[in-house]
Amino acid sequence: MIRTGSRGPTLAEAWDSGQNHFNLIRLLAAWLVIHGHAWAITGSAGGDLVATLTGIKFAGALAVDVFFVISGFLIAASLERNSVRGYLIARALRILPALAACVGLSVLVLGPLLTTAPGYWRDPMTWDYLWVNASLWSSRYFLPGVFEALPNPAVNGSLWTLPVEARLYLALLGASLLGMLAPRRYVPAWMLAMGAACAFALLRRPLPDHLANYAWCTAFFITGTLFWILRDRVRLSAWPVLGLLVVAVATRGTQAFVPAYFLLVCYGTLWLAFVPKLPRIRRHDLSYGLYLYGWPAAQVVQSLAPGDPWHNTLWSTLLAGTLAAASWFAIERPALRLKRRLLAPRSAAGQADSVAS
């Protein structure tokens, strides 16, 4: 049970209750990525409802923002209760096996079945795609002769976030080793980083897409970490959510909408994770697999049965959902079990491995 005071529970109280909706939120966010990308994949004009409402973010971009808020919060929690070795092992086992399987299937199965390039196996692009994506070194999007006739020929356009996230994991570890995760140090550092980012964005505007994406992801991640560090002082209540929503609606189309959107996503995500009575997904976390396979599944659907964005969303959700379930039961869950055998937790209490580790 969450202990609630007159002003609502603190984040620390909500966390200690052991009850949250992170798996559900991440699953919905992964589906939003599929839905939001359907317009680009089908080459359709317009955009999804989120793009219409916000004017600055489509559904997939909103989902990525939510992912990074959650990640910053949960990864800080993982870092606090693990040794350096444990933290690195936990992070690697959660991300790399499923990613390597997805990239391997794209190169070794999907590519040979769909390529129109006679020299697929000899083309350096094939092996560059495999190594660079599976290692988290960077992101590659194209395979020789694969999806070249489609409106967007990328094999998996969602992979760009994973190297960014991996680098943020390492940066957070570095900050911890330097003693920066204490409130008196982290809060000024967060303020300085956010101020510098805003100044850079204003001076260099319009930012290239890749820089803007990195800046957004970093801002949401470090703010998620800020909420973890200040969890004893932050209270969860519907009133700030409603207030931020009103401000966002009132400022839509102006520069003031950006900070209102940012704060609403950060605070609102954590409020949703703990306060409302939503369905709970306790054991099976299909969100990562759905994220990994959503884009290639949508491309396969567009290749074999092209249609409008909603048609593509429906069938790619079914295909990616099947692959996500296979990824969870065959790869991700065994990797988590291996992690438990390798690491001795500091405390028997805590959150489920699929959520916080």
Protein backbone atom coordinates (compact mmCIF):
# COMPACT_ATOMS: atom_id res chain seq x y z
CA MET A 1 0.00 0.00 0.00
CA ILE A 2 1.18 3.52 -0.79
CA ARG A 3 1.21 5.67 2.34
CA THR A 4 -0.50 8.92 1.52
CA GLY A 5 -0.32 12.15 3.46
CA SER A 6 -2.64 15.09 3.08
CA ARG A 7 -0.61 16.26 0.07
CA GLY A 8 -0.16 12.86 -1.55
CA PRO A 9 2.64 10.30 -1.23
CA THR A 10 6.24 11.14 -1.85
CA LEU A 11 8.03 9.40 -4.68
CA ALA A 12 10.05 7.52 -2.06
CA GLU A 13 6.89 6.23 -0.37
CA ALA A 14 5.41 5.21 -3.70
CA TRP A 15 8.63 3.42 -4.69
CA ASP A 16 8.91 1.60 -1.37
CA SER A 17 5.39 0.25 -1.82
CA GLY A 18 6.75 -2.02 -4.57
CA GLN A 19 3.72 -1.27 -6.77
CA ASN A 20 4.08 0.60 -10.04
CA HIS A 21 2.95 0.68 -13.65
CA PHE A 22 6.29 1.06 -15.41
CA ASN A 23 5.85 -2.10 -17.49
CA LEU A 24 2.41 -0.97 -18.66
CA ILE A 25 3.58 2.55 -19.51
CA ARG A 26 6.57 1.27 -21.45
CA LEU A 27 4.42 -1.21 -23.35
CA LEU A 28 2.02 1.56 -24.37
CA ALA A 29 4.98 3.77 -25.30
CA ALA A 30 6.44 1.03 -27.49
CA TRP A 31 3.09 0.76 -29.27
CA LEU A 32 3.04 4.54 -29.75
CA VAL A 33 6.39 4.23 -31.53
CA ILE A 34 4.85 1.75 -33.97
CA HIS A 35 1.79 3.91 -34.49
CA GLY A 36 3.72 7.16 -34.82
CA HIS A 37 6.11 5.74 -37.42
CA ALA A 38 3.26 4.39 -39.56
CA TRP A 39 2.97 7.67 -41.47
CA ALA A 40 6.64 7.72 -42.46
CA ILE A 41 6.66 4.02 -43.31
CA THR A 42 3.55 4.18 -45.50
CA GLY A 43 4.51 7.52 -47.02
CA SER A 44 1.21 9.04 -45.91
CA ALA A 45 0.59 12.75 -45.52
CA GLY A 46 -0.28 14.22 -42.14
CA GLY A 47 0.48 12.68 -38.79
CA ASP A 48 -0.93 11.07 -35.69
CA LEU A 49 -3.07 12.67 -32.98
CA VAL A 50 -0.08 13.54 -30.78
CA ALA A 51 1.52 15.47 -33.64
CA THR A 52 -1.73 17.36 -34.16
CA LEU A 53 -2.13 18.21 -30.47
CA THR A 54 1.44 19.20 -29.65
CA GLY A 55 2.70 20.62 -32.92
CA ILE A 56 6.28 19.67 -31.94
CA LYS A 57 6.20 15.93 -31.21
CA PHE A 58 4.60 12.94 -32.91
CA ALA A 59 3.52 9.82 -31.01
CA GLY A 60 6.85 8.06 -31.40
CA ALA A 61 8.81 11.06 -30.16
CA LEU A 62 6.54 11.42 -27.13
CA ALA A 63 7.07 7.73 -26.40
CA VAL A 64 10.85 8.14 -26.55
CA ASP A 65 10.63 11.07 -24.12
CA VAL A 66 8.65 8.87 -21.72
CA PHE A 67 11.18 6.06 -22.11
CA PHE A 68 14.06 8.33 -21.15
CA VAL A 69 12.29 9.79 -18.12
CA ILE A 70 11.61 6.27 -16.85
CA SER A 71 15.12 5.15 -17.71
CA GLY A 72 16.76 8.03 -15.86
CA PHE A 73 14.69 7.25 -12.78
CA LEU A 74 15.08 3.47 -12.78
CA ILE A 75 18.72 3.33 -13.83
CA ALA A 76 19.63 5.68 -10.98
CA ALA A 77 17.81 3.27 -8.67
CA SER A 78 19.73 0.34 -10.13
CA LEU A 79 23.03 2.16 -9.76
CA GLU A 80 22.34 2.95 -6.11
CA ARG A 81 21.82 -0.68 -5.11
CA ASN A 82 24.48 -2.32 -7.32
CA SER A 83 28.26 -2.34 -7.36
CA VAL A 84 29.97 -1.02 -10.49
CA ARG A 85 30.40 -4.58 -11.74
CA GLY A 86 26.80 -5.43 -10.92
CA TYR A 87 25.51 -2.28 -12.59
CA LEU A 88 27.41 -2.96 -15.83
CA ILE A 89 26.39 -6.61 -15.92
CA ALA A 90 22.76 -5.73 -15.28
CA ARG A 91 22.72 -3.12 -18.03
CA ALA A 92 24.50 -5.34 -20.55
CA LEU A 93 22.27 -8.36 -19.95
CA ARG A 94 19.12 -6.26 -20.21
CA ILE A 95 20.00 -4.64 -23.52
CA LEU A 96 22.57 -6.56 -25.52
CA PRO A 97 21.20 -10.13 -25.93
CA ALA A 98 17.82 -9.06 -27.31
CA LEU A 99 19.42 -6.36 -29.46
CA ALA A 100 21.96 -8.80 -30.91
CA ALA A 101 19.17 -11.25 -31.73
CA CYS A 102 17.08 -8.57 -33.46
CA VAL A 103 20.01 -7.24 -35.49
CA GLY A 104 21.14 -10.78 -36.31
CA LEU A 105 17.69 -11.77 -37.56
CA SER A 106 17.57 -8.62 -39.68
CA VAL A 107 20.92 -9.35 -41.32
CA LEU A 108 20.85 -13.16 -41.52
CA VAL A 109 17.16 -13.85 -42.16
CA LEU A 110 15.20 -10.77 -43.21
CA GLY A 111 17.91 -9.39 -45.48
CA PRO A 112 18.53 -12.55 -47.54
CA LEU A 113 14.78 -13.14 -47.94
CA LEU A 114 13.95 -9.64 -49.18
CA THR A 115 17.11 -8.22 -50.74
CA THR A 116 17.27 -7.38 -54.42
CA ALA A 117 21.05 -6.96 -54.32
CA PRO A 118 22.94 -9.91 -55.88
CA GLY A 119 26.04 -9.18 -53.78
CA TYR A 120 24.28 -8.97 -50.40
CA TRP A 121 26.71 -11.23 -48.55
CA ARG A 122 29.78 -9.55 -50.05
CA ASP A 123 28.65 -5.99 -49.45
CA PRO A 124 30.52 -4.34 -46.52
CA MET A 125 27.28 -2.53 -45.65
CA THR A 126 25.76 -5.85 -44.53
CA TRP A 127 28.42 -6.57 -41.94
CA ASP A 128 28.75 -2.96 -40.91
CA TYR A 129 25.03 -2.97 -40.08
CA LEU A 130 25.48 -6.13 -37.99
CA TRP A 131 28.52 -5.02 -36.02
CA VAL A 132 27.72 -1.36 -35.44
CA ASN A 133 24.12 -1.91 -34.31
CA ALA A 134 24.72 -5.03 -32.22
CA SER A 135 27.67 -3.45 -30.40
CA LEU A 136 25.84 -0.19 -29.58
CA TRP A 137 28.75 1.65 -31.15
CA SER A 138 26.40 3.72 -33.29
CA SER A 139 23.40 3.21 -35.57
CA ARG A 140 23.12 1.96 -39.13
CA TYR A 141 19.80 1.87 -40.93
CA PHE A 142 20.21 0.29 -44.35
CA LEU A 143 20.94 -3.15 -45.78
CA PRO A 144 21.83 -3.69 -49.45
CA GLY A 145 18.70 -4.08 -51.59
CA VAL A 146 16.33 -4.34 -48.58
CA PHE A 147 13.18 -2.18 -48.54
CA GLU A 148 14.68 0.06 -51.24
CA ALA A 149 11.34 0.45 -53.03
CA LEU A 150 9.48 1.57 -49.92
CA PRO A 151 8.78 5.19 -48.95
CA ASN A 152 11.38 4.87 -46.16
CA PRO A 153 14.07 2.24 -46.86
CA ALA A 154 15.45 2.05 -43.30
CA VAL A 155 15.51 -1.50 -41.92
CA ASN A 156 15.08 -0.37 -38.32
CA GLY A 157 14.82 3.35 -37.74
CA SER A 158 14.19 2.93 -34.01
CA LEU A 159 17.69 1.74 -33.13
CA TRP A 160 19.18 5.23 -32.86
CA THR A 161 18.03 5.65 -29.25
CA LEU A 162 19.96 2.65 -27.91
CA PRO A 163 23.54 3.98 -28.30
CA VAL A 164 22.32 7.25 -26.77
CA GLU A 165 20.89 5.38 -23.81
CA ALA A 166 24.02 3.27 -23.38
CA ARG A 167 26.18 6.39 -23.27
CA LEU A 168 23.88 7.94 -20.69
CA TYR A 169 24.23 4.78 -18.56
CA LEU A 170 28.01 5.22 -18.62
CA ALA A 171 27.77 8.95 -17.95
CA LEU A 172 25.56 8.29 -14.93
CA LEU A 173 28.06 5.74 -13.65
CA GLY A 174 30.82 8.31 -14.06
CA ALA A 175 28.78 10.90 -12.19
CA SER A 176 28.22 8.40 -9.38
CA LEU A 177 31.92 7.59 -9.10
CA LEU A 178 32.64 11.32 -8.84
CA GLY A 179 30.13 11.65 -6.01
CA MET A 180 27.76 13.79 -8.08
CA LEU A 181 24.53 11.95 -7.24
CA ALA A 182 24.07 13.60 -3.86
CA PRO A 183 21.28 16.24 -4.01
CA ARG A 184 23.57 19.14 -3.09
CA ARG A 185 25.81 18.31 -6.07
CA TYR A 186 23.40 16.91 -8.60
CA VAL A 187 20.80 19.70 -8.46
CA PRO A 188 23.25 22.50 -9.36
CA ALA A 189 24.82 20.29 -12.03
CA TRP A 190 21.38 19.54 -13.49
CA MET A 191 20.51 23.24 -13.54
CA LEU A 192 23.80 24.07 -15.24
CA ALA A 193 23.34 21.32 -17.85
CA MET A 194 19.77 22.33 -18.63
CA GLY A 195 20.73 26.01 -18.87
CA ALA A 196 23.65 25.25 -21.17
CA ALA A 197 21.47 23.05 -23.37
CA CYS A 198 18.80 25.74 -23.67
CA ALA A 199 21.39 28.40 -24.48
CA PHE A 200 23.01 26.17 -27.11
CA ALA A 201 19.63 25.38 -28.68
CA LEU A 202 18.72 29.08 -28.86
CA LEU A 203 22.08 30.13 -30.30
CA ARG A 204 22.24 27.31 -32.86
CA ARG A 205 18.58 27.10 -33.82
CA PRO A 206 17.29 25.41 -35.74
CA LEU A 207 19.30 22.47 -34.44
CA PRO A 208 19.99 19.55 -36.80
CA ASP A 209 17.63 16.67 -36.06
CA HIS A 210 20.32 14.44 -34.59
CA LEU A 211 21.49 17.11 -32.13
CA ALA A 212 17.93 17.99 -31.17
CA ASN A 213 17.14 14.32 -30.55
CA TYR A 214 20.24 13.83 -28.39
CA ALA A 215 19.45 16.98 -26.41
CA TRP A 216 15.85 15.93 -25.74
CA CYS A 217 16.86 12.40 -24.69
CA THR A 218 19.58 13.66 -22.36
CA ALA A 219 17.31 16.27 -20.80
CA PHE A 220 14.59 13.73 -20.05
CA PHE A 221 17.09 11.16 -18.74
CA ILE A 222 18.89 13.49 -16.35
CA THR A 223 15.55 14.83 -15.14
CA GLY A 224 14.33 11.30 -14.44
CA THR A 225 17.49 10.86 -12.38
CA LEU A 226 16.77 14.16 -10.63
CA PHE A 227 13.39 12.82 -9.52
CA TRP A 228 15.07 9.70 -8.11
CA ILE A 229 17.61 11.76 -6.19
CA LEU A 230 14.88 14.04 -4.80
CA ARG A 231 12.35 11.24 -4.28
CA ASP A 232 11.99 12.03 -0.57
CA ARG A 233 10.98 15.61 -1.38
CA VAL A 234 8.76 15.19 -4.44
CA ARG A 235 5.08 14.53 -3.80
CA LEU A 236 2.77 12.89 -6.30
CA SER A 237 -0.55 14.58 -6.88
CA ALA A 238 -2.99 15.03 -9.73
CA TRP A 239 -3.07 18.80 -9.22
CA PRO A 240 0.36 19.56 -10.70
CA VAL A 241 -0.50 17.30 -13.65
CA LEU A 242 -3.73 19.18 -14.26
CA GLY A 243 -1.98 22.52 -13.82
CA LEU A 244 0.75 21.66 -16.29
CA LEU A 245 -1.84 20.35 -18.73
CA VAL A 246 -3.73 23.65 -18.56
CA VAL A 247 -0.51 25.60 -19.12
CA ALA A 248 0.41 23.36 -22.07
CA VAL A 249 -2.99 23.89 -23.68
CA ALA A 250 -2.83 27.65 -23.10
CA THR A 251 0.68 27.99 -24.56
CA ARG A 252 0.35 25.61 -27.52
CA GLY A 253 1.98 27.11 -30.59
CA THR A 254 4.29 29.37 -28.58
CA GLN A 255 7.81 28.98 -27.21
CA ALA A 256 6.35 28.65 -23.71
CA PHE A 257 4.80 25.33 -24.72
CA VAL A 258 8.20 23.61 -24.75
CA PRO A 259 8.93 23.86 -20.98
CA ALA A 260 5.27 23.10 -20.20
CA TYR A 261 5.44 19.95 -22.35
CA PHE A 262 8.76 18.96 -20.80
CA LEU A 263 7.56 19.28 -17.20
CA LEU A 264 4.24 17.60 -17.98
CA VAL A 265 5.96 14.56 -19.50
CA CYS A 266 8.51 14.28 -16.67
CA TYR A 267 6.17 14.70 -13.72
CA GLY A 268 3.14 13.16 -15.42
CA THR A 269 5.01 9.97 -16.33
CA LEU A 270 6.04 9.32 -12.74
CA TRP A 271 2.60 10.25 -11.44
CA LEU A 272 1.04 7.72 -13.82
CA ALA A 273 3.59 5.12 -12.75
CA PHE A 274 2.52 5.19 -9.11
CA VAL A 275 -0.73 6.94 -8.29
CA PRO A 276 -3.67 5.93 -10.50
CA LYS A 277 -5.20 2.48 -10.18
CA LEU A 278 -4.17 1.06 -13.54
CA PRO A 279 -3.74 -2.56 -14.66
CA ARG A 280 -0.40 -3.95 -13.54
CA ILE A 281 1.97 -6.05 -15.61
CA ARG A 282 4.08 -7.78 -13.02
CA ARG A 283 6.02 -10.58 -14.67
CA HIS A 284 6.28 -10.18 -18.42
CA ASP A 285 7.82 -7.06 -19.95
CA LEU A 286 7.32 -7.12 -23.73
CA SER A 287 8.05 -3.43 -24.24
CA TYR A 288 11.70 -3.74 -25.26
CA GLY A 289 10.97 -6.45 -27.80
CA LEU A 290 8.01 -4.48 -29.17
CA TYR A 291 10.29 -1.48 -29.57
CA LEU A 292 13.04 -3.49 -31.26
CA TYR A 293 10.78 -5.27 -33.76
CA GLY A 294 8.15 -2.59 -34.34
CA TRP A 295 9.86 -0.81 -37.23
CA PRO A 296 11.05 -3.89 -39.20
CA ALA A 297 7.64 -5.50 -38.68
CA ALA A 298 5.98 -2.39 -40.12
CA GLN A 299 8.34 -2.49 -43.10
CA VAL A 300 7.49 -6.13 -43.77
CA VAL A 301 3.78 -5.29 -43.62
CA GLN A 302 4.29 -2.39 -46.02
CA SER A 303 6.20 -4.69 -48.38
CA LEU A 304 3.67 -7.52 -48.40
CA ALA A 305 0.34 -5.79 -47.70
CA PRO A 306 0.65 -2.01 -48.12
CA GLY A 307 -2.10 0.18 -46.74
CA ASP A 308 -2.84 3.31 -44.77
CA PRO A 309 -1.20 4.13 -41.41
CA TRP A 310 -3.93 2.45 -39.35
CA HIS A 311 -3.75 -0.70 -41.47
CA ASN A 312 0.02 -0.74 -41.03
CA THR A 313 -0.29 -0.10 -37.28
CA LEU A 314 -2.69 -3.01 -36.79
CA TRP A 315 -0.73 -5.69 -38.63
CA SER A 316 2.71 -4.54 -37.55
CA THR A 317 1.51 -4.53 -33.92
CA LEU A 318 0.42 -8.16 -34.27
CA LEU A 319 3.66 -9.21 -35.96
CA ALA A 320 5.94 -7.22 -33.64
CA GLY A 321 3.97 -8.39 -30.60
CA THR A 322 4.57 -12.01 -31.58
CA LEU A 323 8.28 -11.38 -32.03
CA ALA A 324 8.40 -9.43 -28.75
CA ALA A 325 6.87 -12.37 -26.88
CA ALA A 326 9.44 -14.70 -28.43
CA SER A 327 12.22 -12.28 -27.48
CA TRP A 328 11.00 -12.08 -23.89
CA PHE A 329 10.58 -15.79 -23.26
CA ALA A 330 13.57 -17.03 -25.28
CA ILE A 331 16.14 -14.28 -24.68
CA GLU A 332 15.29 -11.49 -22.24
CA ARG A 333 13.86 -13.51 -19.36
CA PRO A 334 16.71 -16.08 -19.46
CA ALA A 335 19.19 -13.17 -19.49
CA LEU A 336 17.54 -11.72 -16.38
CA ARG A 337 17.74 -15.11 -14.67
CA LEU A 338 21.43 -15.29 -15.55
CA LYS A 339 21.88 -11.85 -14.03
CA ARG A 340 20.31 -13.03 -10.77
CA ARG A 341 22.75 -15.91 -10.63
CA LEU A 342 25.72 -13.66 -11.31
CA LEU A 343 24.78 -10.93 -8.89
CA ALA A 344 23.95 -11.08 -5.22
CA PRO A 345 21.43 -8.29 -4.51
CA ARG A 346 22.18 -5.96 -1.63
CA SER A 347 18.66 -6.28 -0.35
CA ALA A 348 15.85 -8.78 -0.70
CA ALA A 349 13.47 -5.87 -1.05
CA GLY A 350 13.17 -3.87 -4.22
CA GLN A 351 11.47 -3.80 -7.55
CA ALA A 352 11.14 -6.53 -10.14
CA ASP A 353 14.24 -7.07 -12.26
CA SER A 354 12.38 -6.52 -15.49
CA VAL A 355 11.37 -3.07 -14.29
CA ALA A 356 14.19 -1.49 -12.31
CA SER A 357 17.27 -3.47 -13.20
